[in-house]
C-alpha atoms as a PDB file:
ATOM      1  CA  UNK A   1     -51.594 -66.614 -56.418  1.00  0.00           C
ATOM      2  CA  UNK A   2     -48.150 -65.143 -55.864  1.00  0.00           C
ATOM      3  CA  UNK A   3     -45.619 -67.666 -54.622  1.00  0.00           C
ATOM      4  CA  UNK A   4     -43.338 -66.333 -51.896  1.00  0.00           C
ATOM      5  CA  UNK A   5     -40.688 -68.134 -49.913  1.00  0.00           C
ATOM      6  CA  UNK A   6     -41.148 -68.215 -46.105  1.00  0.00           C
ATOM      7  CA  UNK A   7     -38.054 -66.043 -45.615  1.00  0.00           C
ATOM      8  CA  UNK A   8     -39.522 -63.390 -47.911  1.00  0.00           C
ATOM      9  CA  UNK A   9     -42.968 -63.581 -46.305  1.00  0.00           C
ATOM     10  CA  UNK A  10     -41.651 -63.084 -42.788  1.00  0.00           C
ATOM     11  CA  UNK A  11     -39.046 -60.479 -43.741  1.00  0.00           C
ATOM     12  CA  UNK A  12     -39.082 -57.378 -41.578  1.00  0.00           C
ATOM     13  CA  UNK A  13     -37.503 -54.158 -42.683  1.00  0.00           C
ATOM     14  CA  UNK A  14     -34.444 -53.515 -40.548  1.00  0.00           C
ATOM     15  CA  UNK A  15     -33.635 -50.084 -39.231  1.00  0.00           C
ATOM     16  CA  UNK A  16     -30.984 -48.385 -41.288  1.00  0.00           C
ATOM     17  CA  UNK A  17     -27.617 -47.560 -39.752  1.00  0.00           C
ATOM     18  CA  UNK A  18     -28.460 -43.866 -39.839  1.00  0.00           C
ATOM     19  CA  UNK A  19     -31.688 -44.502 -37.908  1.00  0.00           C
ATOM     20  CA  UNK A  20     -29.810 -46.521 -35.272  1.00  0.00           C
ATOM     21  CA  UNK A  21     -27.153 -43.828 -34.969  1.00  0.00           C
ATOM     22  CA  UNK A  22     -29.829 -41.170 -34.615  1.00  0.00           C
ATOM     23  CA  UNK A  23     -31.593 -43.183 -31.905  1.00  0.00           C
ATOM     24  CA  UNK A  24     -28.318 -43.751 -30.026  1.00  0.00           C
ATOM     25  CA  UNK A  25     -27.525 -40.035 -30.220  1.00  0.00           C
ATOM     26  CA  UNK A  26     -30.944 -39.161 -28.824  1.00  0.00           C
ATOM     27  CA  UNK A  27     -30.516 -41.689 -26.029  1.00  0.00           C
ATOM     28  CA  UNK A  28     -27.069 -40.270 -25.234  1.00  0.00           C
ATOM     29  CA  UNK A  29     -28.520 -36.756 -24.973  1.00  0.00           C
ATOM     30  CA  UNK A  30     -31.314 -38.043 -22.732  1.00  0.00           C
ATOM     31  CA  UNK A  31     -28.809 -39.819 -20.465  1.00  0.00           C
ATOM     32  CA  UNK A  32     -26.725 -36.662 -20.156  1.00  0.00           C
ATOM     33  CA  UNK A  33     -29.826 -34.678 -19.181  1.00  0.00           C
ATOM     34  CA  UNK A  34     -30.826 -37.310 -16.602  1.00  0.00           C
ATOM     35  CA  UNK A  35     -27.331 -37.426 -15.125  1.00  0.00           C
ATOM     36  CA  UNK A  36     -27.421 -33.717 -14.372  1.00  0.00           C
ATOM     37  CA  UNK A  37     -29.872 -34.605 -11.597  1.00  0.00           C
ATOM     38  CA  UNK A  38     -28.997 -38.262 -11.009  1.00  0.00           C
ATOM     39  CA  UNK A  39     -25.279 -38.841 -11.686  1.00  0.00           C
ATOM     40  CA  UNK A  40     -25.255 -42.017  -9.565  1.00  0.00           C
ATOM     41  CA  UNK A  41     -27.851 -43.807 -11.720  1.00  0.00           C
ATOM     42  CA  UNK A  42     -26.602 -47.206 -12.878  1.00  0.00           C
ATOM     43  CA  UNK A  43     -27.768 -49.134 -15.933  1.00  0.00           C
ATOM     44  CA  UNK A  44     -30.917 -50.582 -14.411  1.00  0.00           C
ATOM     45  CA  UNK A  45     -32.151 -47.317 -12.941  1.00  0.00           C
ATOM     46  CA  UNK A  46     -31.182 -45.345 -16.049  1.00  0.00           C
ATOM     47  CA  UNK A  47     -33.232 -47.755 -18.160  1.00  0.00           C
ATOM     48  CA  UNK A  48     -36.364 -46.758 -16.199  1.00  0.00           C
ATOM     49  CA  UNK A  49     -35.639 -43.034 -16.456  1.00  0.00           C
ATOM     50  CA  UNK A  50     -35.235 -43.407 -20.232  1.00  0.00           C
ATOM     51  CA  UNK A  51     -38.489 -45.340 -20.486  1.00  0.00           C
ATOM     52  CA  UNK A  52     -40.254 -42.417 -18.831  1.00  0.00           C
ATOM     53  CA  UNK A  53     -38.898 -40.225 -21.611  1.00  0.00           C
ATOM     54  CA  UNK A  54     -40.050 -42.608 -24.344  1.00  0.00           C
ATOM     55  CA  UNK A  55     -36.777 -44.462 -25.002  1.00  0.00           C
ATOM     56  CA  UNK A  56     -37.152 -48.232 -24.704  1.00  0.00           C
ATOM     57  CA  UNK A  57     -33.966 -50.262 -25.211  1.00  0.00           C
ATOM     58  CA  UNK A  58     -32.271 -53.354 -23.851  1.00  0.00           C
ATOM     59  CA  UNK A  59     -29.643 -53.313 -21.130  1.00  0.00           C
ATOM     60  CA  UNK A  60     -26.872 -54.480 -23.477  1.00  0.00           C
ATOM     61  CA  UNK A  61     -27.442 -51.578 -25.853  1.00  0.00           C
ATOM     62  CA  UNK A  62     -27.753 -49.126 -22.979  1.00  0.00           C
ATOM     63  CA  UNK A  63     -24.507 -50.328 -21.405  1.00  0.00           C
ATOM     64  CA  UNK A  64     -22.738 -49.940 -24.741  1.00  0.00           C
ATOM     65  CA  UNK A  65     -24.001 -46.376 -25.231  1.00  0.00           C
ATOM     66  CA  UNK A  66     -23.024 -45.361 -21.699  1.00  0.00           C
ATOM     67  CA  UNK A  67     -19.587 -46.981 -21.942  1.00  0.00           C
ATOM     68  CA  UNK A  68     -18.770 -45.560 -25.386  1.00  0.00           C
ATOM     69  CA  UNK A  69     -19.711 -42.058 -24.241  1.00  0.00           C
ATOM     70  CA  UNK A  70     -18.148 -42.261 -20.758  1.00  0.00           C
ATOM     71  CA  UNK A  71     -21.537 -41.911 -19.087  1.00  0.00           C
ATOM     72  CA  UNK A  72     -21.146 -44.495 -16.329  1.00  0.00           C
ATOM     73  CA  UNK A  73     -22.303 -43.652 -12.829  1.00  0.00           C
ATOM     74  CA  UNK A  74     -19.919 -41.437 -10.875  1.00  0.00           C
ATOM     75  CA  UNK A  75     -17.654 -42.983  -8.234  1.00  0.00           C
ATOM     76  CA  UNK A  76     -18.786 -42.485  -4.668  1.00  0.00           C
ATOM     77  CA  UNK A  77     -16.571 -40.492  -2.324  1.00  0.00           C
ATOM     78  CA  UNK A  78     -15.736 -41.311   1.286  1.00  0.00           C
ATOM     79  CA  UNK A  79     -17.392 -39.435   4.140  1.00  0.00           C
ATOM     80  CA  UNK A  80     -16.514 -38.816   7.738  1.00  0.00           C
ATOM     81  CA  UNK A  81     -18.770 -39.632  10.677  1.00  0.00           C
ATOM     82  CA  UNK A  82     -20.962 -36.989  12.343  1.00  0.00           C
ATOM     83  CA  UNK A  83     -22.260 -39.168  15.185  1.00  0.00           C
ATOM     84  CA  UNK A  84     -21.372 -37.888  18.669  1.00  0.00           C
ATOM     85  CA  UNK A  85     -22.043 -41.029  20.708  1.00  0.00           C
ATOM     86  CA  UNK A  86     -19.838 -40.381  23.738  1.00  0.00           C
ATOM     87  CA  UNK A  87     -22.339 -38.961  26.217  1.00  0.00           C
ATOM     88  CA  UNK A  88     -24.224 -39.913  29.355  1.00  0.00           C
ATOM     89  CA  UNK A  89     -27.752 -40.002  27.936  1.00  0.00           C
ATOM     90  CA  UNK A  90     -29.900 -43.138  28.099  1.00  0.00           C
ATOM     91  CA  UNK A  91     -29.546 -45.451  25.087  1.00  0.00           C
ATOM     92  CA  UNK A  92     -32.833 -46.969  23.882  1.00  0.00           C
ATOM     93  CA  UNK A  93     -32.995 -50.509  22.457  1.00  0.00           C
ATOM     94  CA  UNK A  94     -33.163 -51.163  18.731  1.00  0.00           C
ATOM     95  CA  UNK A  95     -36.810 -51.878  17.839  1.00  0.00           C
ATOM     96  CA  UNK A  96     -36.291 -52.622  14.142  1.00  0.00           C
ATOM     97  CA  UNK A  97     -34.865 -56.179  13.947  1.00  0.00           C
ATOM     98  CA  UNK A  98     -37.514 -58.626  12.670  1.00  0.00           C
ATOM     99  CA  UNK A  99     -40.044 -55.788  12.375  1.00  0.00           C
ATOM    100  CA  UNK A 100     -42.445 -56.067   9.418  1.00  0.00           C
ATOM    101  CA  UNK A 101     -42.975 -52.580   7.971  1.00  0.00           C
ATOM    102  CA  UNK A 102     -46.162 -52.364   5.907  1.00  0.00           C
ATOM    103  CA  UNK A 103     -47.231 -48.711   5.816  1.00  0.00           C
ATOM    104  CA  UNK A 104     -46.116 -45.110   5.965  1.00  0.00           C
ATOM    105  CA  UNK A 105     -45.831 -43.414   9.368  1.00  0.00           C
ATOM    106  CA  UNK A 106     -44.836 -46.735  10.917  1.00  0.00           C
ATOM    107  CA  UNK A 107     -41.072 -46.081  11.095  1.00  0.00           C
ATOM    108  CA  UNK A 108     -39.230 -42.792  10.707  1.00  0.00           C
ATOM    109  CA  UNK A 109     -35.437 -42.843  10.457  1.00  0.00           C
ATOM    110  CA  UNK A 110     -33.183 -39.868  11.146  1.00  0.00           C
ATOM    111  CA  UNK A 111     -29.582 -38.928  10.396  1.00  0.00           C
ATOM    112  CA  UNK A 112     -27.130 -36.034  10.022  1.00  0.00           C
ATOM    113  CA  UNK A 113     -24.502 -35.283   7.386  1.00  0.00           C
ATOM    114  CA  UNK A 114     -22.071 -32.457   6.704  1.00  0.00           C
ATOM    115  CA  UNK A 115     -21.914 -30.054   3.745  1.00  0.00           C
ATOM    116  CA  UNK A 116     -18.678 -28.327   2.804  1.00  0.00           C
ATOM    117  CA  UNK A 117     -18.839 -24.596   2.100  1.00  0.00           C
ATOM    118  CA  UNK A 118     -15.981 -22.233   1.223  1.00  0.00           C
ATOM    119  CA  UNK A 119     -15.348 -21.274   4.840  1.00  0.00           C
ATOM    120  CA  UNK A 120     -15.967 -24.621   6.546  1.00  0.00           C
ATOM    121  CA  UNK A 121     -19.031 -26.808   7.025  1.00  0.00           C
ATOM    122  CA  UNK A 122     -22.762 -26.665   7.605  1.00  0.00           C
ATOM    123  CA  UNK A 123     -24.930 -29.610   8.624  1.00  0.00           C
ATOM    124  CA  UNK A 124     -28.074 -31.269   7.300  1.00  0.00           C
ATOM    125  CA  UNK A 125     -30.478 -33.293   9.451  1.00  0.00           C
ATOM    126  CA  UNK A 126     -33.204 -35.319   7.741  1.00  0.00           C
ATOM    127  CA  UNK A 127     -36.092 -37.564   8.716  1.00  0.00           C
ATOM    128  CA  UNK A 128     -37.266 -40.166   6.198  1.00  0.00           C
ATOM    129  CA  UNK A 129     -40.350 -42.363   6.185  1.00  0.00           C
ATOM    130  CA  UNK A 130     -38.805 -45.818   5.936  1.00  0.00           C
ATOM    131  CA  UNK A 131     -41.644 -47.407   3.967  1.00  0.00           C
ATOM    132  CA  UNK A 132     -41.905 -44.827   1.177  1.00  0.00           C
ATOM    133  CA  UNK A 133     -38.332 -43.451   1.380  1.00  0.00           C
ATOM    134  CA  UNK A 134     -39.813 -39.932   1.359  1.00  0.00           C
ATOM    135  CA  UNK A 135     -37.920 -37.170   3.166  1.00  0.00           C
ATOM    136  CA  UNK A 136     -40.537 -35.669   5.472  1.00  0.00           C
ATOM    137  CA  UNK A 137     -38.403 -33.321   7.557  1.00  0.00           C
ATOM    138  CA  UNK A 138     -35.076 -31.565   7.258  1.00  0.00           C
ATOM    139  CA  UNK A 139     -33.027 -28.776   8.797  1.00  0.00           C
ATOM    140  CA  UNK A 140     -29.804 -26.985   7.825  1.00  0.00           C
ATOM    141  CA  UNK A 141     -27.527 -25.186  10.274  1.00  0.00           C
ATOM    142  CA  UNK A 142     -23.927 -24.210  10.999  1.00  0.00           C
ATOM    143  CA  UNK A 143     -24.252 -26.004  14.333  1.00  0.00           C
ATOM    144  CA  UNK A 144     -24.513 -29.765  14.816  1.00  0.00           C
ATOM    145  CA  UNK A 145     -26.697 -29.649  17.933  1.00  0.00           C
ATOM    146  CA  UNK A 146     -30.141 -30.529  19.235  1.00  0.00           C
ATOM    147  CA  UNK A 147     -31.721 -27.483  17.560  1.00  0.00           C
ATOM    148  CA  UNK A 148     -30.668 -28.901  14.190  1.00  0.00           C
ATOM    149  CA  UNK A 149     -32.368 -32.248  14.782  1.00  0.00           C
ATOM    150  CA  UNK A 150     -35.365 -30.749  16.596  1.00  0.00           C
ATOM    151  CA  UNK A 151     -36.162 -28.493  13.644  1.00  0.00           C
ATOM    152  CA  UNK A 152     -36.218 -31.492  11.287  1.00  0.00           C
ATOM    153  CA  UNK A 153     -38.439 -33.444  13.692  1.00  0.00           C
ATOM    154  CA  UNK A 154     -40.857 -30.552  14.119  1.00  0.00           C
ATOM    155  CA  UNK A 155     -41.160 -30.203  10.332  1.00  0.00           C
ATOM    156  CA  UNK A 156     -41.949 -33.901   9.973  1.00  0.00           C
ATOM    157  CA  UNK A 157     -44.554 -33.809  12.741  1.00  0.00           C
ATOM    158  CA  UNK A 158     -46.220 -30.737  11.222  1.00  0.00           C
ATOM    159  CA  UNK A 159     -46.250 -32.290   7.753  1.00  0.00           C
ATOM    160  CA  UNK A 160     -47.469 -35.767   8.749  1.00  0.00           C
ATOM    161  CA  UNK A 161     -49.444 -35.192  11.977  1.00  0.00           C
ATOM    162  CA  UNK A 162     -48.787 -38.836  12.907  1.00  0.00           C
ATOM    163  CA  UNK A 163     -50.862 -40.982  15.219  1.00  0.00           C
ATOM    164  CA  UNK A 164     -49.330 -42.351  18.407  1.00  0.00           C
ATOM    165  CA  UNK A 165     -46.961 -45.285  18.066  1.00  0.00           C
ATOM    166  CA  UNK A 166     -44.580 -44.249  15.269  1.00  0.00           C
ATOM    167  CA  UNK A 167     -41.112 -45.721  15.757  1.00  0.00           C
ATOM    168  CA  UNK A 168     -38.403 -43.055  15.582  1.00  0.00           C
ATOM    169  CA  UNK A 169     -35.034 -44.662  14.810  1.00  0.00           C
ATOM    170  CA  UNK A 170     -31.652 -42.922  14.814  1.00  0.00           C
ATOM    171  CA  UNK A 171     -28.056 -43.581  15.759  1.00  0.00           C
ATOM    172  CA  UNK A 172     -26.761 -43.107  19.289  1.00  0.00           C
ATOM    173  CA  UNK A 173     -25.745 -39.474  18.742  1.00  0.00           C
ATOM    174  CA  UNK A 174     -26.402 -37.031  21.560  1.00  0.00           C
ATOM    175  CA  UNK A 175     -28.434 -34.814  19.212  1.00  0.00           C
ATOM    176  CA  UNK A 176     -31.133 -37.524  19.124  1.00  0.00           C
ATOM    177  CA  UNK A 177     -30.966 -38.380  22.829  1.00  0.00           C
ATOM    178  CA  UNK A 178     -30.949 -34.905  24.395  1.00  0.00           C
ATOM    179  CA  UNK A 179     -33.686 -34.132  26.909  1.00  0.00           C
ATOM    180  CA  UNK A 180     -35.418 -31.680  24.563  1.00  0.00           C
ATOM    181  CA  UNK A 181     -35.480 -34.131  21.672  1.00  0.00           C
ATOM    182  CA  UNK A 182     -36.688 -37.052  23.786  1.00  0.00           C
ATOM    183  CA  UNK A 183     -39.393 -34.829  25.326  1.00  0.00           C
ATOM    184  CA  UNK A 184     -40.685 -33.929  21.864  1.00  0.00           C
ATOM    185  CA  UNK A 185     -40.828 -37.618  20.922  1.00  0.00           C
ATOM    186  CA  UNK A 186     -42.613 -38.525  24.154  1.00  0.00           C
ATOM    187  CA  UNK A 187     -45.073 -35.642  23.809  1.00  0.00           C
ATOM    188  CA  UNK A 188     -46.177 -37.125  20.464  1.00  0.00           C
ATOM    189  CA  UNK A 189     -46.105 -40.718  21.751  1.00  0.00           C
ATOM    190  CA  UNK A 190     -43.296 -42.049  19.565  1.00  0.00           C
ATOM    191  CA  UNK A 191     -41.542 -45.327  20.305  1.00  0.00           C
ATOM    192  CA  UNK A 192     -37.816 -44.555  20.495  1.00  0.00           C
ATOM    193  CA  UNK A 193     -35.249 -46.800  18.841  1.00  0.00           C
ATOM    194  CA  UNK A 194     -31.446 -46.542  18.646  1.00  0.00           C
ATOM    195  CA  UNK A 195     -28.824 -48.324  16.572  1.00  0.00           C
ATOM    196  CA  UNK A 196     -26.731 -50.898  18.369  1.00  0.00           C
ATOM    197  CA  UNK A 197     -23.210 -49.967  19.390  1.00  0.00           C
ATOM    198  CA  UNK A 198     -20.664 -50.413  16.622  1.00  0.00           C
ATOM    199  CA  UNK A 199     -23.245 -51.600  14.078  1.00  0.00           C
ATOM    200  CA  UNK A 200     -23.378 -49.228  11.082  1.00  0.00           C
ATOM    201  CA  UNK A 201     -25.990 -51.380   9.335  1.00  0.00           C
ATOM    202  CA  UNK A 202     -28.657 -50.566  11.914  1.00  0.00           C
ATOM    203  CA  UNK A 203     -29.351 -47.234  10.226  1.00  0.00           C
ATOM    204  CA  UNK A 204     -28.376 -48.342   6.731  1.00  0.00           C
ATOM    205  CA  UNK A 205     -31.474 -46.925   5.038  1.00  0.00           C
ATOM    206  CA  UNK A 206     -30.770 -43.396   6.228  1.00  0.00           C
ATOM    207  CA  UNK A 207     -27.048 -43.796   5.549  1.00  0.00           C
ATOM    208  CA  UNK A 208     -27.966 -44.733   1.973  1.00  0.00           C
ATOM    209  CA  UNK A 209     -30.234 -41.683   1.740  1.00  0.00           C
ATOM    210  CA  UNK A 210     -27.427 -39.367   2.843  1.00  0.00           C
ATOM    211  CA  UNK A 211     -25.029 -40.872   0.310  1.00  0.00           C
ATOM    212  CA  UNK A 212     -27.652 -40.310  -2.393  1.00  0.00           C
ATOM    213  CA  UNK A 213     -28.013 -36.649  -1.427  1.00  0.00           C
ATOM    214  CA  UNK A 214     -24.231 -36.305  -1.379  1.00  0.00           C
ATOM    215  CA  UNK A 215     -23.674 -37.963  -4.742  1.00  0.00           C
ATOM    216  CA  UNK A 216     -26.551 -36.331  -6.597  1.00  0.00           C
ATOM    217  CA  UNK A 217     -26.421 -32.812  -5.192  1.00  0.00           C
ATOM    218  CA  UNK A 218     -23.878 -31.809  -2.564  1.00  0.00           C
ATOM    219  CA  UNK A 219     -20.737 -33.251  -4.191  1.00  0.00           C
ATOM    220  CA  UNK A 220     -21.665 -31.644  -7.519  1.00  0.00           C
ATOM    221  CA  UNK A 221     -21.883 -28.128  -6.123  1.00  0.00           C
ATOM    222  CA  UNK A 222     -19.418 -25.665  -4.633  1.00  0.00           C
ATOM    223  CA  UNK A 223     -21.613 -23.981  -2.060  1.00  0.00           C
ATOM    224  CA  UNK A 224     -20.342 -20.581  -1.032  1.00  0.00           C
ATOM    225  CA  UNK A 225     -22.025 -20.153   2.338  1.00  0.00           C
ATOM    226  CA  UNK A 226     -25.030 -21.145   4.446  1.00  0.00           C
ATOM    227  CA  UNK A 227     -27.434 -19.028   2.390  1.00  0.00           C
ATOM    228  CA  UNK A 228     -26.274 -20.739  -0.788  1.00  0.00           C
ATOM    229  CA  UNK A 229     -27.093 -24.128   0.761  1.00  0.00           C
ATOM    230  CA  UNK A 230     -30.467 -22.877   2.018  1.00  0.00           C
ATOM    231  CA  UNK A 231     -31.330 -21.565  -1.437  1.00  0.00           C
ATOM    232  CA  UNK A 232     -30.513 -24.813  -3.260  1.00  0.00           C
ATOM    233  CA  UNK A 233     -30.644 -27.955  -1.136  1.00  0.00           C
ATOM    234  CA  UNK A 234     -34.345 -27.788  -0.091  1.00  0.00           C
ATOM    235  CA  UNK A 235     -35.286 -27.538  -3.773  1.00  0.00           C
ATOM    236  CA  UNK A 236     -33.335 -30.728  -4.465  1.00  0.00           C
ATOM    237  CA  UNK A 237     -35.046 -32.530  -1.596  1.00  0.00           C
ATOM    238  CA  UNK A 238     -38.614 -31.583  -2.505  1.00  0.00           C
ATOM    239  CA  UNK A 239     -38.481 -31.352  -6.300  1.00  0.00           C
ATOM    240  CA  UNK A 240     -35.800 -33.864  -7.266  1.00  0.00           C
ATOM    241  CA  UNK A 241     -35.439 -36.489  -4.531  1.00  0.00           C
ATOM    242  CA  UNK A 242     -39.068 -36.768  -3.401  1.00  0.00           C
ATOM    243  CA  UNK A 243     -40.783 -36.093  -6.736  1.00  0.00           C
ATOM    244  CA  UNK A 244     -38.418 -37.180  -9.528  1.00  0.00           C
ATOM    245  CA  UNK A 245     -35.859 -39.740  -8.314  1.00  0.00           C
ATOM    246  CA  UNK A 246     -37.070 -43.330  -8.745  1.00  0.00           C
ATOM    247  CA  UNK A 247     -36.251 -46.167  -6.329  1.00  0.00           C
ATOM    248  CA  UNK A 248     -35.869 -49.800  -7.309  1.00  0.00           C
ATOM    249  CA  UNK A 249     -37.321 -50.808  -3.919  1.00  0.00           C
ATOM    250  CA  UNK A 250     -40.487 -48.850  -4.798  1.00  0.00           C
ATOM    251  CA  UNK A 251     -40.953 -50.529  -8.168  1.00  0.00           C
ATOM    252  CA  UNK A 252     -39.077 -47.660  -9.851  1.00  0.00           C
ATOM    253  CA  UNK A 253     -41.523 -45.053  -8.601  1.00  0.00           C
ATOM    254  CA  UNK A 254     -40.602 -41.846  -6.821  1.00  0.00           C
ATOM    255  CA  UNK A 255     -41.456 -41.529  -3.097  1.00  0.00           C
ATOM    256  CA  UNK A 256     -44.348 -39.195  -3.880  1.00  0.00           C
ATOM    257  CA  UNK A 257     -45.683 -41.483  -6.617  1.00  0.00           C
ATOM    258  CA  UNK A 258     -45.419 -44.453  -4.267  1.00  0.00           C
ATOM    259  CA  UNK A 259     -47.317 -42.699  -1.476  1.00  0.00           C
ATOM    260  CA  UNK A 260     -50.018 -41.549  -3.900  1.00  0.00           C
ATOM    261  CA  UNK A 261     -50.361 -45.125  -5.164  1.00  0.00           C
ATOM    262  CA  UNK A 262     -50.524 -46.370  -1.623  1.00  0.00           C
ATOM    263  CA  UNK A 263     -53.361 -43.998  -0.828  1.00  0.00           C
ATOM    264  CA  UNK A 264     -55.409 -44.549  -3.982  1.00  0.00           C
ATOM    265  CA  UNK A 265     -54.595 -48.005  -5.315  1.00  0.00           C
ATOM    266  CA  UNK A 266     -55.740 -50.855  -3.078  1.00  0.00           C
ATOM    267  CA  UNK A 267     -53.478 -53.518  -4.601  1.00  0.00           C
ATOM    268  CA  UNK A 268     -50.463 -51.715  -3.165  1.00  0.00           C
ATOM    269  CA  UNK A 269     -51.712 -52.686   0.270  1.00  0.00           C
ATOM    270  CA  UNK A 270     -50.600 -56.219  -0.548  1.00  0.00           C
ATOM    271  CA  UNK A 271     -47.034 -55.143  -1.327  1.00  0.00           C
ATOM    272  CA  UNK A 272     -44.335 -57.280   0.248  1.00  0.00           C
ATOM    273  CA  UNK A 273     -43.406 -55.661   3.568  1.00  0.00           C
ATOM    274  CA  UNK A 274     -39.951 -54.441   4.515  1.00  0.00           C
ATOM    275  CA  UNK A 275     -38.447 -56.734   7.129  1.00  0.00           C
ATOM    276  CA  UNK A 276     -35.390 -55.486   9.007  1.00  0.00           C
ATOM    277  CA  UNK A 277     -33.022 -58.344   9.802  1.00  0.00           C
END
């Protein structure tokens, strides 16, 4: 019988310095590739993207690698407001406070943002399913009017074919309260909900979505004109945001993955609901 001390018996071969350096270099390259699409990803979110690529490491090590290589998330810029709330249209009450949201096609939220081009601005209107965070309708135009928002709504209705009773929530902008827009909502039996006056948190989910689109796509590009936006932004929405960008609120799944899980995996039906306070 060979006598071995406990320290020798339980000894584990440690990774050499060269192996650690090689791993760190590979992680750095992976982070740089991820940040091309998701420059706003912080440590926690980046950790999940890396895991999907086969790199499993602790937060302390990840923070060190990102700090040493100046790979921290980019600083958010300020934005101006696109809401045109001074009008004579009827303002609907806010239906979201204390609402328990437990499924897709229960609440749709809508918003508008601007996109700078070389000669001025164009505008983006989106509609997002609040439960899955999936963008289900969008429209891009040089004009910030009811046609812009109507086009996004019509896309969402065509894509989802929702049953009666969906809550449509937006700010108090005239684009969402025009007669044509309200008629479209009523024709499809939506419940209409508006943010309260002077309360920016009432549409916080869509505001967050717009800031994500800005930080991860719009602010990184120098769009030349409307056609340049039309040729690039829809690809980001469908391929990157909906299909590749993970959300902590969705258990670090993408919106499409979450909806597929919801449809095919029964245990997701017991997921903790979203409650708007």
